[in-house]
N, C-alpha and C. Protein backbone atom coordinates (compact mmCIF):
# COMPACT_ATOMS: atom_id res chain seq x y z
N MET A 1 115.70 107.39 49.89
CA MET A 1 114.66 106.90 50.76
C MET A 1 115.20 105.82 51.70
N THR A 2 115.94 104.86 51.15
CA THR A 2 116.48 103.81 52.01
C THR A 2 117.54 104.35 52.95
N LEU A 3 118.26 105.40 52.54
CA LEU A 3 119.26 105.97 53.42
C LEU A 3 118.59 106.62 54.62
N ARG A 4 117.49 107.36 54.39
CA ARG A 4 116.76 107.97 55.50
C ARG A 4 116.19 106.92 56.44
N LEU A 5 115.68 105.88 55.88
CA LEU A 5 115.10 104.81 56.68
C LEU A 5 116.17 104.14 57.54
N ASN A 6 117.33 103.90 56.97
CA ASN A 6 118.41 103.27 57.73
C ASN A 6 118.92 104.19 58.83
N ILE A 7 119.06 105.48 58.56
CA ILE A 7 119.52 106.43 59.58
C ILE A 7 118.48 106.54 60.68
N GLY A 8 117.23 106.65 60.29
CA GLY A 8 116.15 106.75 61.28
C GLY A 8 116.07 105.50 62.13
N THR A 9 116.21 104.35 61.52
CA THR A 9 116.19 103.09 62.26
C THR A 9 117.38 103.01 63.20
N GLY A 10 118.54 103.43 62.72
CA GLY A 10 119.75 103.40 63.55
C GLY A 10 119.62 104.31 64.76
N VAL A 11 119.05 105.50 64.56
CA VAL A 11 118.85 106.43 65.66
C VAL A 11 117.86 105.86 66.67
N CYS A 12 116.79 105.26 66.20
CA CYS A 12 115.81 104.66 67.10
C CYS A 12 116.41 103.51 67.91
N VAL A 13 117.19 102.68 67.24
CA VAL A 13 117.83 101.56 67.93
C VAL A 13 118.82 102.07 68.98
N ALA A 14 119.58 103.12 68.65
CA ALA A 14 120.54 103.68 69.59
C ALA A 14 119.83 104.27 70.81
N LEU A 15 118.76 105.02 70.59
CA LEU A 15 118.02 105.60 71.71
C LEU A 15 117.38 104.51 72.56
N LEU A 16 116.90 103.48 71.92
CA LEU A 16 116.30 102.37 72.66
C LEU A 16 117.34 101.65 73.51
N ALA A 17 118.54 101.46 72.96
CA ALA A 17 119.61 100.81 73.70
C ALA A 17 120.04 101.65 74.90
N ILE A 18 120.10 102.96 74.72
CA ILE A 18 120.46 103.84 75.83
C ILE A 18 119.40 103.78 76.92
N GLY A 19 118.16 103.72 76.54
CA GLY A 19 117.07 103.63 77.52
C GLY A 19 117.13 102.35 78.34
N PHE A 20 117.52 101.25 77.72
CA PHE A 20 117.62 99.99 78.45
C PHE A 20 118.91 99.86 79.23
N ALA A 21 119.92 100.64 78.88
CA ALA A 21 121.21 100.53 79.55
C ALA A 21 121.20 101.21 80.92
N VAL A 22 120.28 102.13 81.14
CA VAL A 22 120.22 102.84 82.41
C VAL A 22 119.41 102.01 83.40
N PRO A 23 120.02 101.57 84.50
CA PRO A 23 119.30 100.75 85.47
C PRO A 23 118.30 101.57 86.28
N ALA A 24 117.27 100.91 86.74
CA ALA A 24 116.27 101.57 87.57
C ALA A 24 116.85 101.79 88.96
N GLU A 25 116.45 102.84 89.61
CA GLU A 25 116.94 103.19 90.95
C GLU A 25 115.96 102.70 92.02
N ALA A 26 115.52 101.47 91.91
CA ALA A 26 114.58 100.90 92.88
C ALA A 26 115.34 100.00 93.85
N LYS A 27 116.32 100.56 94.53
CA LYS A 27 117.15 99.79 95.44
C LYS A 27 116.59 99.90 96.85
N ILE A 28 116.67 98.79 97.58
CA ILE A 28 116.20 98.78 98.97
C ILE A 28 117.25 99.47 99.83
N LEU A 29 116.83 100.41 100.63
CA LEU A 29 117.73 101.14 101.52
C LEU A 29 117.59 100.59 102.92
N CYS A 30 118.70 100.07 103.47
CA CYS A 30 118.69 99.49 104.81
C CYS A 30 119.59 100.31 105.73
N LYS A 31 119.15 100.46 106.96
CA LYS A 31 119.94 101.11 108.00
C LYS A 31 119.84 100.29 109.27
N LYS A 32 120.96 99.69 109.66
CA LYS A 32 121.06 98.93 110.90
C LYS A 32 119.95 97.89 111.06
N GLY A 33 119.68 97.15 110.00
CA GLY A 33 118.70 96.08 110.06
C GLY A 33 117.28 96.49 109.77
N PHE A 34 117.06 97.74 109.48
CA PHE A 34 115.71 98.24 109.19
C PHE A 34 115.67 98.81 107.78
N GLN A 35 114.56 98.57 107.10
CA GLN A 35 114.36 99.11 105.76
C GLN A 35 113.69 100.47 105.88
N VAL A 36 114.20 101.43 105.13
CA VAL A 36 113.61 102.77 105.11
C VAL A 36 112.48 102.76 104.09
N VAL A 37 111.24 102.93 104.58
CA VAL A 37 110.06 102.93 103.73
C VAL A 37 109.31 104.23 103.96
N GLN A 38 109.33 105.10 102.98
CA GLN A 38 108.67 106.40 103.05
C GLN A 38 109.06 107.16 104.32
N GLY A 39 110.35 107.09 104.66
CA GLY A 39 110.85 107.81 105.82
C GLY A 39 110.72 107.08 107.14
N SER A 40 110.03 105.97 107.16
CA SER A 40 109.86 105.18 108.39
C SER A 40 110.80 103.98 108.36
N MET A 41 111.20 103.53 109.54
CA MET A 41 112.07 102.37 109.66
C MET A 41 111.20 101.13 109.90
N LEU A 42 111.35 100.12 109.04
CA LEU A 42 110.55 98.91 109.11
C LEU A 42 111.49 97.70 109.16
N ALA A 43 111.31 96.84 110.15
CA ALA A 43 112.15 95.64 110.27
C ALA A 43 111.75 94.64 109.20
N THR A 44 112.70 94.29 108.34
CA THR A 44 112.44 93.31 107.29
C THR A 44 113.53 92.24 107.33
N PRO A 45 113.20 91.01 106.99
CA PRO A 45 114.21 89.94 106.98
C PRO A 45 115.38 90.26 106.05
N TYR A 46 115.12 90.90 104.93
CA TYR A 46 116.17 91.26 103.97
C TYR A 46 117.22 92.14 104.63
N CYS A 47 116.78 93.19 105.29
CA CYS A 47 117.71 94.13 105.92
C CYS A 47 118.34 93.54 107.17
N GLN A 48 117.62 92.71 107.89
CA GLN A 48 118.20 92.08 109.08
C GLN A 48 119.32 91.13 108.68
N ASP A 49 119.14 90.38 107.60
CA ASP A 49 120.21 89.50 107.14
C ASP A 49 121.41 90.30 106.66
N GLN A 50 121.16 91.41 106.02
CA GLN A 50 122.25 92.28 105.59
C GLN A 50 123.04 92.79 106.80
N TYR A 51 122.33 93.12 107.87
CA TYR A 51 122.98 93.63 109.07
C TYR A 51 123.75 92.53 109.81
N VAL A 52 123.21 91.31 109.81
CA VAL A 52 123.94 90.18 110.39
C VAL A 52 125.27 90.00 109.66
N ALA A 53 125.26 90.07 108.34
CA ALA A 53 126.49 89.94 107.56
C ALA A 53 127.46 91.08 107.90
N GLN A 54 126.95 92.29 108.06
CA GLN A 54 127.81 93.43 108.38
C GLN A 54 128.46 93.25 109.75
N VAL A 55 127.69 92.85 110.73
CA VAL A 55 128.22 92.64 112.08
C VAL A 55 129.22 91.48 112.08
N ALA A 56 128.92 90.42 111.33
CA ALA A 56 129.82 89.28 111.23
C ALA A 56 131.16 89.72 110.64
N ASN A 57 131.11 90.58 109.64
CA ASN A 57 132.35 91.10 109.05
C ASN A 57 133.12 91.94 110.06
N ASP A 58 132.42 92.65 110.92
CA ASP A 58 133.09 93.42 111.98
C ASP A 58 133.86 92.50 112.92
N TYR A 59 133.34 91.29 113.12
CA TYR A 59 133.99 90.31 113.99
C TYR A 59 135.08 89.52 113.26
N GLY A 60 135.23 89.72 111.97
CA GLY A 60 136.28 89.03 111.22
C GLY A 60 135.81 87.86 110.39
N PHE A 61 134.50 87.58 110.38
CA PHE A 61 133.96 86.52 109.54
C PHE A 61 133.83 87.04 108.11
N ARG A 62 133.94 86.15 107.15
CA ARG A 62 133.70 86.52 105.75
C ARG A 62 132.26 86.14 105.42
N ALA A 63 131.38 87.11 105.50
CA ALA A 63 129.96 86.83 105.29
C ALA A 63 129.37 87.87 104.33
N SER A 64 128.74 87.39 103.30
CA SER A 64 128.05 88.29 102.38
C SER A 64 126.56 88.25 102.72
N PRO A 65 125.87 89.35 102.48
CA PRO A 65 124.42 89.36 102.75
C PRO A 65 123.67 88.28 101.98
N ASP A 66 124.09 87.99 100.75
CA ASP A 66 123.42 86.95 99.97
C ASP A 66 123.59 85.57 100.60
N ARG A 67 124.78 85.29 101.11
CA ARG A 67 125.00 83.98 101.72
C ARG A 67 124.21 83.85 103.02
N VAL A 68 124.18 84.91 103.82
CA VAL A 68 123.40 84.87 105.05
C VAL A 68 121.92 84.67 104.73
N ARG A 69 121.45 85.33 103.69
CA ARG A 69 120.04 85.26 103.32
C ARG A 69 119.66 83.90 102.74
N ASN A 70 120.55 83.30 101.96
CA ASN A 70 120.21 82.08 101.22
C ASN A 70 120.68 80.79 101.89
N ASP A 71 121.49 80.89 102.93
CA ASP A 71 122.01 79.70 103.59
C ASP A 71 121.68 79.75 105.08
N PRO A 72 120.55 79.18 105.50
CA PRO A 72 120.14 79.25 106.90
C PRO A 72 121.14 78.62 107.87
N LEU A 73 121.84 77.58 107.43
CA LEU A 73 122.84 76.96 108.30
C LEU A 73 124.03 77.89 108.54
N PHE A 74 124.40 78.65 107.52
CA PHE A 74 125.49 79.62 107.67
C PHE A 74 125.08 80.72 108.65
N LYS A 75 123.85 81.19 108.52
CA LYS A 75 123.36 82.22 109.44
C LYS A 75 123.33 81.67 110.87
N GLN A 76 122.90 80.42 111.02
CA GLN A 76 122.86 79.81 112.34
C GLN A 76 124.28 79.66 112.90
N HIS A 77 125.22 79.32 112.06
CA HIS A 77 126.63 79.21 112.47
C HIS A 77 127.15 80.57 112.95
N LEU A 78 126.86 81.62 112.20
CA LEU A 78 127.29 82.96 112.62
C LEU A 78 126.65 83.35 113.95
N CYS A 79 125.36 83.07 114.07
CA CYS A 79 124.64 83.45 115.28
C CYS A 79 125.13 82.67 116.50
N ARG A 80 125.64 81.49 116.29
CA ARG A 80 126.19 80.72 117.40
C ARG A 80 127.38 81.45 118.01
N PHE A 81 128.16 82.14 117.19
CA PHE A 81 129.36 82.82 117.67
C PHE A 81 129.11 84.28 118.06
N ILE A 82 128.27 84.98 117.30
CA ILE A 82 128.11 86.42 117.55
C ILE A 82 126.69 86.82 117.87
N GLY A 83 125.81 85.85 118.09
CA GLY A 83 124.39 86.12 118.29
C GLY A 83 124.05 86.90 119.55
N GLN A 84 124.98 86.97 120.51
CA GLN A 84 124.70 87.73 121.73
C GLN A 84 125.00 89.22 121.58
N ASP A 85 125.53 89.61 120.42
CA ASP A 85 125.73 91.03 120.16
C ASP A 85 124.36 91.70 120.09
N ILE A 86 124.20 92.75 120.87
CA ILE A 86 122.88 93.40 121.00
C ILE A 86 122.34 93.91 119.66
N ARG A 87 123.24 94.18 118.70
CA ARG A 87 122.79 94.70 117.41
C ARG A 87 122.01 93.67 116.60
N ILE A 88 122.33 92.39 116.78
CA ILE A 88 121.69 91.36 115.95
C ILE A 88 121.02 90.28 116.78
N LYS A 89 120.92 90.47 118.06
CA LYS A 89 120.37 89.44 118.95
C LYS A 89 118.97 89.01 118.51
N GLU A 90 118.13 89.96 118.19
CA GLU A 90 116.76 89.63 117.78
C GLU A 90 116.73 88.83 116.48
N SER A 91 117.56 89.18 115.52
CA SER A 91 117.63 88.44 114.25
C SER A 91 118.12 87.03 114.48
N CYS A 92 119.09 86.88 115.38
CA CYS A 92 119.65 85.55 115.64
C CYS A 92 118.72 84.70 116.50
N ASP A 93 117.90 85.31 117.33
CA ASP A 93 116.96 84.54 118.14
C ASP A 93 115.94 83.81 117.26
N GLN A 94 115.73 84.28 116.06
CA GLN A 94 114.78 83.64 115.14
C GLN A 94 115.33 82.33 114.59
N VAL A 95 116.65 82.23 114.44
CA VAL A 95 117.23 81.00 113.87
C VAL A 95 117.78 80.06 114.93
N SER A 96 118.19 80.59 116.06
CA SER A 96 118.68 79.73 117.14
C SER A 96 118.29 80.35 118.47
N PRO A 97 117.07 80.08 118.93
CA PRO A 97 116.60 80.69 120.17
C PRO A 97 117.46 80.28 121.37
N SER A 98 117.65 81.21 122.26
CA SER A 98 118.43 80.95 123.46
C SER A 98 117.63 80.04 124.40
N VAL A 99 118.33 79.16 125.08
CA VAL A 99 117.64 78.25 126.01
C VAL A 99 117.76 78.74 127.44
N ARG A 100 118.45 79.82 127.66
CA ARG A 100 118.60 80.35 129.01
C ARG A 100 117.27 80.86 129.54
N GLY A 101 116.97 80.51 130.74
CA GLY A 101 115.75 81.02 131.37
C GLY A 101 114.50 80.23 131.02
N ARG A 102 114.63 79.21 130.20
CA ARG A 102 113.45 78.41 129.82
C ARG A 102 113.47 77.11 130.59
N PHE A 103 112.29 76.62 130.92
CA PHE A 103 112.16 75.39 131.69
C PHE A 103 111.60 74.28 130.84
């Protein structure tokens, strides 16, 4: 009786561990600064920051999406150098608006 109970408990614990070991596939999908939501493209700050980091890396900066997202001064620093790139201009205008054309 105790042997069956131990085997049954061991099998349950193993199955439970396997169930918790598999991560959920609830990952945010971003494309060029837009989040894909039910097939539609939606501008979100999360994806825009990820795209700023990607463009910054294209220019040779070492920028991770997490650092761009969590460090506003770092994002402002990047935007000072690459903010005129048409791909991220709108994202950078939010942290350091251009003064050209304003009175």
